[in-house]
Amino acid sequence: MIPGAVVGMVPALAGLRADVTAAPGTETAGVPGGGVVVGWALVADEGVVGGARVVPVFLAGGRAWTPDQFRQEHGQHLGVVVGQAH
């Protein structure tokens, strides 16, 4: 498997949201906020037991992202936290 490749995906149940986080004082201008979780992806990762990890797929800025894709585009200093949508 290619590290970081999405090797599978399932749809998410309604009611979850991903929020983008950053340390206080971090510049976040131009970074889209989080959005609705639309699925869960299995991502190849040789650094974890089993060789893959499950991550959320969420909508932000007009497209779907995994946390890895979002950080690659907008900065490694950003975090993604999944919780209940309000």
N, C-alpha and C. Protein backbone atom coordinates (compact mmCIF):
# COMPACT_ATOMS: atom_id res chain seq x y z
N MET A 1 0.84 -1.19 0.00
CA MET A 1 0.00 0.00 0.00
C MET A 1 0.88 1.25 0.00
N ILE A 2 0.39 2.27 -0.64
CA ILE A 2 1.09 3.55 -0.66
C ILE A 2 0.74 4.31 0.61
N PRO A 3 1.72 4.72 1.43
CA PRO A 3 1.41 5.45 2.66
C PRO A 3 0.55 6.68 2.38
N GLY A 4 -0.50 6.85 3.15
CA GLY A 4 -1.41 7.98 3.00
C GLY A 4 -2.53 7.76 2.01
N ALA A 5 -2.49 6.66 1.27
CA ALA A 5 -3.55 6.39 0.29
C ALA A 5 -4.83 5.97 0.99
N VAL A 6 -5.95 6.45 0.49
CA VAL A 6 -7.26 6.02 0.98
C VAL A 6 -7.55 4.67 0.34
N VAL A 7 -7.71 3.64 1.18
CA VAL A 7 -7.91 2.29 0.65
C VAL A 7 -9.33 1.79 0.84
N GLY A 8 -10.18 2.59 1.47
CA GLY A 8 -11.58 2.22 1.66
C GLY A 8 -12.33 3.36 2.31
N MET A 9 -13.66 3.35 2.16
CA MET A 9 -14.46 4.41 2.76
C MET A 9 -15.88 3.91 2.99
N VAL A 10 -16.48 4.37 4.09
CA VAL A 10 -17.88 4.08 4.38
C VAL A 10 -18.57 5.40 4.73
N PRO A 11 -19.87 5.51 4.48
CA PRO A 11 -20.58 6.74 4.82
C PRO A 11 -20.72 6.90 6.33
N ALA A 12 -20.81 8.14 6.77
CA ALA A 12 -20.99 8.44 8.20
C ALA A 12 -22.47 8.55 8.52
N LEU A 13 -22.81 8.28 9.75
CA LEU A 13 -24.16 8.51 10.24
C LEU A 13 -24.36 10.01 10.43
N ALA A 14 -25.57 10.46 10.33
CA ALA A 14 -25.87 11.89 10.50
C ALA A 14 -25.57 12.34 11.93
N GLY A 15 -25.26 13.63 12.08
CA GLY A 15 -25.11 14.20 13.40
C GLY A 15 -23.70 14.45 13.87
N LEU A 16 -22.70 14.22 13.01
CA LEU A 16 -21.32 14.47 13.41
C LEU A 16 -20.75 15.65 12.62
N ARG A 17 -19.84 16.36 13.26
CA ARG A 17 -19.20 17.53 12.67
C ARG A 17 -17.71 17.50 13.00
N ALA A 18 -16.89 17.94 12.05
CA ALA A 18 -15.45 18.08 12.28
C ALA A 18 -15.15 19.57 12.45
N ASP A 19 -14.45 19.92 13.51
CA ASP A 19 -14.03 21.29 13.75
C ASP A 19 -12.52 21.38 13.62
N VAL A 20 -12.06 22.43 12.97
CA VAL A 20 -10.63 22.67 12.79
C VAL A 20 -10.13 23.45 13.99
N THR A 21 -9.01 23.01 14.57
CA THR A 21 -8.45 23.66 15.76
C THR A 21 -7.03 24.15 15.47
N ALA A 22 -6.62 25.13 16.26
CA ALA A 22 -5.26 25.66 16.17
C ALA A 22 -4.89 26.22 17.54
N ALA A 23 -3.61 26.26 17.83
CA ALA A 23 -3.13 26.81 19.10
C ALA A 23 -3.47 28.30 19.16
N PRO A 24 -3.70 28.82 20.38
CA PRO A 24 -3.99 30.25 20.51
C PRO A 24 -2.88 31.09 19.86
N GLY A 25 -3.30 32.12 19.15
CA GLY A 25 -2.35 33.01 18.48
C GLY A 25 -1.93 32.56 17.11
N THR A 26 -2.39 31.40 16.68
CA THR A 26 -2.03 30.87 15.37
C THR A 26 -2.80 31.62 14.28
N GLU A 27 -2.13 31.97 13.21
CA GLU A 27 -2.78 32.65 12.08
C GLU A 27 -3.65 31.65 11.33
N THR A 28 -4.94 31.93 11.25
CA THR A 28 -5.87 31.03 10.55
C THR A 28 -6.67 31.74 9.46
N ALA A 29 -6.28 32.95 9.10
CA ALA A 29 -6.98 33.67 8.03
C ALA A 29 -6.89 32.85 6.74
N GLY A 30 -8.01 32.69 6.08
CA GLY A 30 -8.05 31.93 4.84
C GLY A 30 -8.20 30.44 5.01
N VAL A 31 -8.19 29.95 6.24
CA VAL A 31 -8.37 28.52 6.49
C VAL A 31 -9.86 28.26 6.68
N PRO A 32 -10.46 27.39 5.85
CA PRO A 32 -11.89 27.12 6.03
C PRO A 32 -12.15 26.42 7.36
N GLY A 33 -13.28 26.75 7.97
CA GLY A 33 -13.68 26.06 9.20
C GLY A 33 -14.10 24.64 8.87
N GLY A 34 -14.38 23.89 9.88
CA GLY A 34 -14.80 22.50 9.68
C GLY A 34 -16.20 22.41 9.13
N GLY A 35 -16.70 21.19 9.05
CA GLY A 35 -18.04 20.98 8.53
C GLY A 35 -18.53 19.59 8.86
N VAL A 36 -19.58 19.20 8.20
CA VAL A 36 -20.25 17.93 8.43
C VAL A 36 -19.34 16.77 8.06
N VAL A 37 -19.32 15.73 8.92
CA VAL A 37 -18.60 14.49 8.61
C VAL A 37 -19.49 13.67 7.68
N VAL A 38 -18.96 13.35 6.49
CA VAL A 38 -19.75 12.62 5.49
C VAL A 38 -19.32 11.16 5.35
N GLY A 39 -18.19 10.80 5.95
CA GLY A 39 -17.73 9.42 5.84
C GLY A 39 -16.54 9.15 6.72
N TRP A 40 -16.10 7.90 6.67
CA TRP A 40 -14.90 7.46 7.39
C TRP A 40 -14.03 6.73 6.37
N ALA A 41 -12.75 7.10 6.33
CA ALA A 41 -11.83 6.51 5.35
C ALA A 41 -10.79 5.65 6.06
N LEU A 42 -10.39 4.58 5.39
CA LEU A 42 -9.28 3.75 5.84
C LEU A 42 -8.06 4.22 5.08
N VAL A 43 -7.06 4.73 5.82
CA VAL A 43 -5.86 5.33 5.22
C VAL A 43 -4.65 4.45 5.53
N ALA A 44 -3.89 4.12 4.50
CA ALA A 44 -2.69 3.30 4.67
C ALA A 44 -1.68 4.05 5.53
N ASP A 45 -1.14 3.37 6.55
CA ASP A 45 -0.16 3.97 7.45
C ASP A 45 0.69 2.87 8.04
N GLU A 46 1.90 2.70 7.51
CA GLU A 46 2.79 1.63 7.97
C GLU A 46 3.25 1.84 9.41
N GLY A 47 3.04 3.03 9.96
CA GLY A 47 3.48 3.33 11.32
C GLY A 47 2.52 2.89 12.41
N VAL A 48 1.38 2.32 12.04
CA VAL A 48 0.42 1.88 13.05
C VAL A 48 0.19 0.37 12.93
N VAL A 49 -0.25 -0.23 14.02
CA VAL A 49 -0.54 -1.66 14.03
C VAL A 49 -1.65 -1.94 13.01
N GLY A 50 -1.46 -2.93 12.19
CA GLY A 50 -2.43 -3.28 11.16
C GLY A 50 -2.19 -2.58 9.83
N GLY A 51 -1.35 -1.54 9.82
CA GLY A 51 -0.98 -0.89 8.58
C GLY A 51 -1.96 0.13 8.03
N ALA A 52 -3.02 0.45 8.81
CA ALA A 52 -3.98 1.45 8.34
C ALA A 52 -4.69 2.06 9.54
N ARG A 53 -5.25 3.26 9.34
CA ARG A 53 -6.02 3.93 10.39
C ARG A 53 -7.31 4.49 9.81
N VAL A 54 -8.30 4.64 10.66
CA VAL A 54 -9.60 5.17 10.25
C VAL A 54 -9.64 6.66 10.59
N VAL A 55 -10.02 7.49 9.61
CA VAL A 55 -10.07 8.94 9.80
C VAL A 55 -11.39 9.47 9.26
N PRO A 56 -11.85 10.62 9.79
CA PRO A 56 -13.09 11.19 9.27
C PRO A 56 -12.87 11.84 7.90
N VAL A 57 -13.94 11.88 7.12
CA VAL A 57 -13.97 12.65 5.87
C VAL A 57 -15.02 13.73 6.10
N PHE A 58 -14.61 14.99 5.97
CA PHE A 58 -15.51 16.10 6.30
C PHE A 58 -15.52 17.14 5.19
N LEU A 59 -16.59 17.93 5.18
CA LEU A 59 -16.75 19.00 4.19
C LEU A 59 -16.24 20.31 4.77
N ALA A 60 -15.45 21.03 3.98
CA ALA A 60 -14.96 22.36 4.36
C ALA A 60 -14.48 23.06 3.11
N GLY A 61 -14.82 24.32 2.98
CA GLY A 61 -14.36 25.09 1.84
C GLY A 61 -14.80 24.54 0.50
N GLY A 62 -15.97 23.91 0.45
CA GLY A 62 -16.50 23.44 -0.82
C GLY A 62 -16.01 22.10 -1.31
N ARG A 63 -15.30 21.34 -0.45
CA ARG A 63 -14.86 20.00 -0.87
C ARG A 63 -14.74 19.07 0.33
N ALA A 64 -14.54 17.80 0.06
CA ALA A 64 -14.36 16.80 1.11
C ALA A 64 -12.87 16.62 1.38
N TRP A 65 -12.54 16.44 2.67
CA TRP A 65 -11.14 16.31 3.11
C TRP A 65 -10.99 15.19 4.13
N THR A 66 -9.82 14.57 4.15
CA THR A 66 -9.39 13.83 5.33
C THR A 66 -8.53 14.81 6.13
N PRO A 67 -8.31 14.57 7.42
CA PRO A 67 -7.44 15.48 8.17
C PRO A 67 -6.05 15.63 7.55
N ASP A 68 -5.49 14.54 7.03
CA ASP A 68 -4.16 14.61 6.41
C ASP A 68 -4.17 15.54 5.19
N GLN A 69 -5.18 15.43 4.34
CA GLN A 69 -5.28 16.28 3.16
C GLN A 69 -5.45 17.75 3.57
N PHE A 70 -6.28 17.98 4.59
CA PHE A 70 -6.54 19.34 5.06
C PHE A 70 -5.25 19.98 5.58
N ARG A 71 -4.50 19.23 6.39
CA ARG A 71 -3.24 19.74 6.94
C ARG A 71 -2.20 19.98 5.85
N GLN A 72 -2.16 19.10 4.86
CA GLN A 72 -1.21 19.28 3.77
C GLN A 72 -1.49 20.59 3.01
N GLU A 73 -2.75 20.90 2.83
CA GLU A 73 -3.15 22.10 2.09
C GLU A 73 -3.07 23.38 2.92
N HIS A 74 -3.42 23.29 4.22
CA HIS A 74 -3.59 24.50 5.02
C HIS A 74 -2.61 24.64 6.19
N GLY A 75 -1.81 23.62 6.49
CA GLY A 75 -0.81 23.72 7.53
C GLY A 75 -0.84 22.57 8.51
N GLN A 76 0.35 22.04 8.80
CA GLN A 76 0.48 20.89 9.71
C GLN A 76 0.13 21.25 11.15
N HIS A 77 0.08 22.53 11.47
CA HIS A 77 -0.21 22.98 12.83
C HIS A 77 -1.70 22.88 13.18
N LEU A 78 -2.54 22.56 12.21
CA LEU A 78 -3.98 22.50 12.44
C LEU A 78 -4.41 21.13 12.94
N GLY A 79 -5.43 21.11 13.77
CA GLY A 79 -6.00 19.86 14.27
C GLY A 79 -7.42 19.72 13.77
N VAL A 80 -7.95 18.52 13.84
CA VAL A 80 -9.33 18.25 13.47
C VAL A 80 -9.95 17.41 14.59
N VAL A 81 -11.07 17.91 15.13
CA VAL A 81 -11.76 17.22 16.22
C VAL A 81 -13.18 16.92 15.79
N VAL A 82 -13.62 15.68 15.98
CA VAL A 82 -14.97 15.27 15.60
C VAL A 82 -15.85 15.28 16.86
N GLY A 83 -17.06 15.84 16.69
CA GLY A 83 -18.03 15.88 17.78
C GLY A 83 -19.43 15.92 17.22
N GLN A 84 -20.40 16.04 18.10
CA GLN A 84 -21.79 16.12 17.69
C GLN A 84 -22.08 17.45 17.02
N ALA A 85 -22.85 17.42 15.96
CA ALA A 85 -23.30 18.64 15.30
C ALA A 85 -24.43 19.24 16.14
N HIS A 86 -24.50 20.54 16.17
CA HIS A 86 -25.54 21.19 16.96
C HIS A 86 -26.56 21.83 16.07
